[in-house]
Amino acid sequence: MSFREDLTYMINKHSKENGSDTPDFLLAEYLENCLNVFDQIIIKRKTWYGHEKSTTPFVLENQLNETV
């Protein structure tokens, strides 16, 4: 099961889609995208401050998926 499928399941299990009346799979997609953007921003912040550039495993996994 993928992260997004797990997240969809958890959103549905706890009825977190009820507040916005948005399907659980769309909320899972949104939250996964938020995490991806956050990871990218952290990398950009490190670069801005001159820290050694590094990537998180989550970003690497998504970059691999995008190139396939």
PDB file of N, CA and C in Angstrom:
ATOM      1  N   MET A   1       0.852  -1.180   0.000  1.00  0.00           N
ATOM      2  CA  MET A   1       0.000   0.000   0.000  1.00  0.00           C
ATOM      3  C   MET A   1       0.897   1.242   0.000  1.00  0.00           C
ATOM      4  N   SER A   2       0.560   2.222  -0.812  1.00  0.00           N
ATOM      5  CA  SER A   2       1.355   3.443  -0.914  1.00  0.00           C
ATOM      6  C   SER A   2       1.034   4.395   0.245  1.00  0.00           C
ATOM      7  N   PHE A   3       1.886   5.399   0.394  1.00  0.00           N
ATOM      8  CA  PHE A   3       1.650   6.421   1.415  1.00  0.00           C
ATOM      9  C   PHE A   3       0.290   7.077   1.209  1.00  0.00           C
ATOM     10  N   ARG A   4      -0.009   7.425  -0.039  1.00  0.00           N
ATOM     11  CA  ARG A   4      -1.278   8.112  -0.310  1.00  0.00           C
ATOM     12  C   ARG A   4      -2.467   7.202  -0.001  1.00  0.00           C
ATOM     13  N   GLU A   5      -2.348   5.934  -0.308  1.00  0.00           N
ATOM     14  CA  GLU A   5      -3.433   4.998   0.015  1.00  0.00           C
ATOM     15  C   GLU A   5      -3.604   4.868   1.524  1.00  0.00           C
ATOM     16  N   ASP A   6      -2.480   4.796   2.240  1.00  0.00           N
ATOM     17  CA  ASP A   6      -2.549   4.750   3.705  1.00  0.00           C
ATOM     18  C   ASP A   6      -3.206   6.008   4.257  1.00  0.00           C
ATOM     19  N   LEU A   7      -2.797   7.149   3.715  1.00  0.00           N
ATOM     20  CA  LEU A   7      -3.349   8.424   4.169  1.00  0.00           C
ATOM     21  C   LEU A   7      -4.843   8.510   3.859  1.00  0.00           C
ATOM     22  N   THR A   8      -5.228   8.068   2.682  1.00  0.00           N
ATOM     23  CA  THR A   8      -6.653   8.042   2.314  1.00  0.00           C
ATOM     24  C   THR A   8      -7.441   7.190   3.300  1.00  0.00           C
ATOM     25  N   TYR A   9      -6.898   6.032   3.620  1.00  0.00           N
ATOM     26  CA  TYR A   9      -7.551   5.135   4.571  1.00  0.00           C
ATOM     27  C   TYR A   9      -7.719   5.813   5.937  1.00  0.00           C
ATOM     28  N   MET A  10      -6.648   6.459   6.421  1.00  0.00           N
ATOM     29  CA  MET A  10      -6.700   7.100   7.733  1.00  0.00           C
ATOM     30  C   MET A  10      -7.684   8.272   7.747  1.00  0.00           C
ATOM     31  N   ILE A  11      -7.703   9.056   6.690  1.00  0.00           N
ATOM     32  CA  ILE A  11      -8.653  10.170   6.602  1.00  0.00           C
ATOM     33  C   ILE A  11     -10.069   9.636   6.679  1.00  0.00           C
ATOM     34  N   ASN A  12     -10.334   8.571   5.924  1.00  0.00           N
ATOM     35  CA  ASN A  12     -11.661   7.972   5.920  1.00  0.00           C
ATOM     36  C   ASN A  12     -11.997   7.350   7.271  1.00  0.00           C
ATOM     37  N   LYS A  13     -11.057   6.641   7.842  1.00  0.00           N
ATOM     38  CA  LYS A  13     -11.283   5.962   9.123  1.00  0.00           C
ATOM     39  C   LYS A  13     -11.685   6.947  10.213  1.00  0.00           C
ATOM     40  N   HIS A  14     -11.070   8.118  10.211  1.00  0.00           N
ATOM     41  CA  HIS A  14     -11.341   9.125  11.238  1.00  0.00           C
ATOM     42  C   HIS A  14     -12.327  10.200  10.759  1.00  0.00           C
ATOM     43  N   SER A  15     -12.938   9.967   9.610  1.00  0.00           N
ATOM     44  CA  SER A  15     -13.962  10.863   9.039  1.00  0.00           C
ATOM     45  C   SER A  15     -13.481  12.310   8.918  1.00  0.00           C
ATOM     46  N   LYS A  16     -12.214  12.489   8.593  1.00  0.00           N
ATOM     47  CA  LYS A  16     -11.669  13.842   8.478  1.00  0.00           C
ATOM     48  C   LYS A  16     -12.124  14.554   7.207  1.00  0.00           C
ATOM     49  N   GLU A  17     -12.739  13.828   6.293  1.00  0.00           N
ATOM     50  CA  GLU A  17     -13.239  14.452   5.066  1.00  0.00           C
ATOM     51  C   GLU A  17     -14.574  15.152   5.288  1.00  0.00           C
ATOM     52  N   ASN A  18     -15.220  14.869   6.414  1.00  0.00           N
ATOM     53  CA  ASN A  18     -16.562  15.408   6.661  1.00  0.00           C
ATOM     54  C   ASN A  18     -16.584  16.926   6.793  1.00  0.00           C
ATOM     55  N   GLY A  19     -15.579  17.512   7.418  1.00  0.00           N
ATOM     56  CA  GLY A  19     -15.574  18.962   7.642  1.00  0.00           C
ATOM     57  C   GLY A  19     -15.619  19.765   6.361  1.00  0.00           C
ATOM     58  N   SER A  20     -14.904  19.314   5.347  1.00  0.00           N
ATOM     59  CA  SER A  20     -14.836  20.060   4.087  1.00  0.00           C
ATOM     60  C   SER A  20     -15.702  19.451   2.999  1.00  0.00           C
ATOM     61  N   ASP A  21     -16.288  18.292   3.285  1.00  0.00           N
ATOM     62  CA  ASP A  21     -17.080  17.557   2.292  1.00  0.00           C
ATOM     63  C   ASP A  21     -16.260  17.329   1.009  1.00  0.00           C
ATOM     64  N   THR A  22     -14.989  16.970   1.222  1.00  0.00           N
ATOM     65  CA  THR A  22     -14.070  16.685   0.131  1.00  0.00           C
ATOM     66  C   THR A  22     -13.733  15.202   0.177  1.00  0.00           C
ATOM     67  N   PRO A  23     -13.752  14.513  -0.950  1.00  0.00           N
ATOM     68  CA  PRO A  23     -13.427  13.095  -0.935  1.00  0.00           C
ATOM     69  C   PRO A  23     -12.067  12.828  -0.272  1.00  0.00           C
ATOM     70  N   ASP A  24     -12.001  11.749   0.483  1.00  0.00           N
ATOM     71  CA  ASP A  24     -10.790  11.425   1.230  1.00  0.00           C
ATOM     72  C   ASP A  24      -9.563  11.287   0.339  1.00  0.00           C
ATOM     73  N   PHE A  25      -9.718  10.733  -0.859  1.00  0.00           N
ATOM     74  CA  PHE A  25      -8.563  10.565  -1.739  1.00  0.00           C
ATOM     75  C   PHE A  25      -8.022  11.907  -2.229  1.00  0.00           C
ATOM     76  N   LEU A  26      -8.893  12.921  -2.366  1.00  0.00           N
ATOM     77  CA  LEU A  26      -8.422  14.247  -2.762  1.00  0.00           C
ATOM     78  C   LEU A  26      -7.685  14.924  -1.607  1.00  0.00           C
ATOM     79  N   LEU A  27      -8.173  14.749  -0.397  1.00  0.00           N
ATOM     80  CA  LEU A  27      -7.473  15.291   0.764  1.00  0.00           C
ATOM     81  C   LEU A  27      -6.109  14.633   0.926  1.00  0.00           C
ATOM     82  N   ALA A  28      -6.036  13.331   0.693  1.00  0.00           N
ATOM     83  CA  ALA A  28      -4.763  12.623   0.788  1.00  0.00           C
ATOM     84  C   ALA A  28      -3.789  13.157  -0.257  1.00  0.00           C
ATOM     85  N   GLU A  29      -4.261  13.386  -1.470  1.00  0.00           N
ATOM     86  CA  GLU A  29      -3.404  13.937  -2.521  1.00  0.00           C
ATOM     87  C   GLU A  29      -2.897  15.319  -2.116  1.00  0.00           C
ATOM     88  N   TYR A  30      -3.787  16.150  -1.608  1.00  0.00           N
ATOM     89  CA  TYR A  30      -3.423  17.500  -1.172  1.00  0.00           C
ATOM     90  C   TYR A  30      -2.355  17.448  -0.074  1.00  0.00           C
ATOM     91  N   LEU A  31      -2.568  16.615   0.930  1.00  0.00           N
ATOM     92  CA  LEU A  31      -1.621  16.533   2.041  1.00  0.00           C
ATOM     93  C   LEU A  31      -0.265  15.985   1.589  1.00  0.00           C
ATOM     94  N   GLU A  32      -0.279  14.995   0.717  1.00  0.00           N
ATOM     95  CA  GLU A  32       0.979  14.476   0.199  1.00  0.00           C
ATOM     96  C   GLU A  32       1.725  15.559  -0.578  1.00  0.00           C
ATOM     97  N   ASN A  33       0.992  16.323  -1.378  1.00  0.00           N
ATOM     98  CA  ASN A  33       1.620  17.419  -2.126  1.00  0.00           C
ATOM     99  C   ASN A  33       2.176  18.482  -1.186  1.00  0.00           C
ATOM    100  N   CYS A  34       1.469  18.772  -0.096  1.00  0.00           N
ATOM    101  CA  CYS A  34       1.975  19.727   0.895  1.00  0.00           C
ATOM    102  C   CYS A  34       3.313  19.264   1.459  1.00  0.00           C
ATOM    103  N   LEU A  35       3.413  17.998   1.783  1.00  0.00           N
ATOM    104  CA  LEU A  35       4.668  17.461   2.306  1.00  0.00           C
ATOM    105  C   LEU A  35       5.787  17.561   1.271  1.00  0.00           C
ATOM    106  N   ASN A  36       5.474  17.279   0.020  1.00  0.00           N
ATOM    107  CA  ASN A  36       6.475  17.377  -1.046  1.00  0.00           C
ATOM    108  C   ASN A  36       6.989  18.799  -1.199  1.00  0.00           C
ATOM    109  N   VAL A  37       6.079  19.766  -1.199  1.00  0.00           N
ATOM    110  CA  VAL A  37       6.468  21.169  -1.330  1.00  0.00           C
ATOM    111  C   VAL A  37       7.283  21.602  -0.111  1.00  0.00           C
ATOM    112  N   PHE A  38       6.880  21.173   1.066  1.00  0.00           N
ATOM    113  CA  PHE A  38       7.626  21.503   2.276  1.00  0.00           C
ATOM    114  C   PHE A  38       9.063  20.985   2.181  1.00  0.00           C
ATOM    115  N   ASP A  39       9.235  19.753   1.731  1.00  0.00           N
ATOM    116  CA  ASP A  39      10.576  19.194   1.570  1.00  0.00           C
ATOM    117  C   ASP A  39      11.408  20.031   0.598  1.00  0.00           C
ATOM    118  N   GLN A  40      10.804  20.449  -0.502  1.00  0.00           N
ATOM    119  CA  GLN A  40      11.513  21.262  -1.487  1.00  0.00           C
ATOM    120  C   GLN A  40      11.914  22.616  -0.905  1.00  0.00           C
ATOM    121  N   ILE A  41      11.032  23.210  -0.111  1.00  0.00           N
ATOM    122  CA  ILE A  41      11.319  24.505   0.507  1.00  0.00           C
ATOM    123  C   ILE A  41      12.462  24.388   1.506  1.00  0.00           C
ATOM    124  N   ILE A  42      12.504  23.298   2.262  1.00  0.00           N
ATOM    125  CA  ILE A  42      13.599  23.082   3.210  1.00  0.00           C
ATOM    126  C   ILE A  42      14.929  23.031   2.470  1.00  0.00           C
ATOM    127  N   ILE A  43      14.956  22.341   1.342  1.00  0.00           N
ATOM    128  CA  ILE A  43      16.182  22.258   0.539  1.00  0.00           C
ATOM    129  C   ILE A  43      16.579  23.645   0.036  1.00  0.00           C
ATOM    130  N   LYS A  44      15.607  24.415  -0.441  1.00  0.00           N
ATOM    131  CA  LYS A  44      15.887  25.775  -0.922  1.00  0.00           C
ATOM    132  C   LYS A  44      16.366  26.668   0.217  1.00  0.00           C
ATOM    133  N   ARG A  45      15.801  26.509   1.403  1.00  0.00           N
ATOM    134  CA  ARG A  45      16.216  27.298   2.565  1.00  0.00           C
ATOM    135  C   ARG A  45      17.668  26.984   2.912  1.00  0.00           C
ATOM    136  N   LYS A  46      18.023  25.691   2.911  1.00  0.00           N
ATOM    137  CA  LYS A  46      19.402  25.309   3.208  1.00  0.00           C
ATOM    138  C   LYS A  46      20.357  25.922   2.190  1.00  0.00           C
ATOM    139  N   THR A  47      19.964  25.916   0.927  1.00  0.00           N
ATOM    140  CA  THR A  47      20.795  26.498  -0.120  1.00  0.00           C
ATOM    141  C   THR A  47      20.934  28.002   0.093  1.00  0.00           C
ATOM    142  N   TRP A  48      19.841  28.662   0.408  1.00  0.00           N
ATOM    143  CA  TRP A  48      19.843  30.109   0.629  1.00  0.00           C
ATOM    144  C   TRP A  48      20.808  30.502   1.742  1.00  0.00           C
ATOM    145  N   TYR A  49      20.807  29.731   2.825  1.00  0.00           N
ATOM    146  CA  TYR A  49      21.678  30.032   3.954  1.00  0.00           C
ATOM    147  C   TYR A  49      23.081  29.461   3.788  1.00  0.00           C
ATOM    148  N   GLY A  50      23.343  28.814   2.666  1.00  0.00           N
ATOM    149  CA  GLY A  50      24.667  28.312   2.377  1.00  0.00           C
ATOM    150  C   GLY A  50      25.004  27.002   3.063  1.00  0.00           C
ATOM    151  N   HIS A  51      23.997  26.322   3.561  1.00  0.00           N
ATOM    152  CA  HIS A  51      24.246  25.015   4.156  1.00  0.00           C
ATOM    153  C   HIS A  51      24.440  23.991   3.049  1.00  0.00           C
ATOM    154  N   GLU A  52      25.084  22.921   3.424  1.00  0.00           N
ATOM    155  CA  GLU A  52      25.297  21.849   2.458  1.00  0.00           C
ATOM    156  C   GLU A  52      23.948  21.379   1.921  1.00  0.00           C
ATOM    157  N   LYS A  53      23.851  21.313   0.614  1.00  0.00           N
ATOM    158  CA  LYS A  53      22.594  20.888  -0.001  1.00  0.00           C
ATOM    159  C   LYS A  53      22.381  19.402   0.253  1.00  0.00           C
ATOM    160  N   SER A  54      21.210  19.082   0.734  1.00  0.00           N
ATOM    161  CA  SER A  54      20.850  17.681   0.940  1.00  0.00           C
ATOM    162  C   SER A  54      19.388  17.505   0.597  1.00  0.00           C
ATOM    163  N   THR A  55      19.016  16.285   0.360  1.00  0.00           N
ATOM    164  CA  THR A  55      17.618  15.996   0.081  1.00  0.00           C
ATOM    165  C   THR A  55      17.125  14.968   1.078  1.00  0.00           C
ATOM    166  N   THR A  56      15.841  14.989   1.293  1.00  0.00           N
ATOM    167  CA  THR A  56      15.238  14.019   2.189  1.00  0.00           C
ATOM    168  C   THR A  56      14.870  12.776   1.388  1.00  0.00           C
ATOM    169  N   PRO A  57      14.744  11.640   2.043  1.00  0.00           N
ATOM    170  CA  PRO A  57      14.338  10.432   1.318  1.00  0.00           C
ATOM    171  C   PRO A  57      13.011  10.614   0.588  1.00  0.00           C
ATOM    172  N   PHE A  58      12.087  11.377   1.180  1.00  0.00           N
ATOM    173  CA  PHE A  58      10.779  11.584   0.567  1.00  0.00           C
ATOM    174  C   PHE A  58      10.918  12.318  -0.765  1.00  0.00           C
ATOM    175  N   VAL A  59      11.744  13.347  -0.793  1.00  0.00           N
ATOM    176  CA  VAL A  59      11.962  14.097  -2.027  1.00  0.00           C
ATOM    177  C   VAL A  59      12.623  13.206  -3.069  1.00  0.00           C
ATOM    178  N   LEU A  60      13.633  12.445  -2.657  1.00  0.00           N
ATOM    179  CA  LEU A  60      14.307  11.553  -3.595  1.00  0.00           C
ATOM    180  C   LEU A  60      13.342  10.549  -4.197  1.00  0.00           C
ATOM    181  N   GLU A  61      12.469   9.978  -3.363  1.00  0.00           N
ATOM    182  CA  GLU A  61      11.498   9.004  -3.849  1.00  0.00           C
ATOM    183  C   GLU A  61      10.592   9.633  -4.895  1.00  0.00           C
ATOM    184  N   ASN A  62      10.130  10.848  -4.650  1.00  0.00           N
ATOM    185  CA  ASN A  62       9.229  11.514  -5.582  1.00  0.00           C
ATOM    186  C   ASN A  62       9.941  11.912  -6.862  1.00  0.00           C
ATOM    187  N   GLN A  63      11.210  12.321  -6.759  1.00  0.00           N
ATOM    188  CA  GLN A  63      11.956  12.659  -7.955  1.00  0.00           C
ATOM    189  C   GLN A  63      12.137  11.426  -8.834  1.00  0.00           C
ATOM    190  N   LEU A  64      12.368  10.281  -8.230  1.00  0.00           N
ATOM    191  CA  LEU A  64      12.493   9.037  -8.981  1.00  0.00           C
ATOM    192  C   LEU A  64      11.175   8.690  -9.653  1.00  0.00           C
ATOM    193  N   ASN A  65      10.064   8.870  -8.955  1.00  0.00           N
ATOM    194  CA  ASN A  65       8.748   8.549  -9.513  1.00  0.00           C
ATOM    195  C   ASN A  65       8.408   9.466 -10.682  1.00  0.00           C
ATOM    196  N   GLU A  66       8.838  10.725 -10.614  1.00  0.00           N
ATOM    197  CA  GLU A  66       8.529  11.680 -11.687  1.00  0.00           C
ATOM    198  C   GLU A  66       9.306  11.377 -12.963  1.00  0.00           C
ATOM    199  N   THR A  67      10.482  10.777 -12.831  1.00  0.00           N
ATOM    200  CA  THR A  67      11.288  10.515 -14.017  1.00  0.00           C
ATOM    201  C   THR A  67      10.931   9.200 -14.690  1.00  0.00           C
ATOM    202  N   VAL A  68      10.118   8.386 -14.034  1.00  0.00           N
ATOM    203  CA  VAL A  68       9.760   7.082 -14.591  1.00  0.00           C
ATOM    204  C   VAL A  68       8.577   7.226 -15.514  1.00  0.00           C
TER     205      VAL A  68
END
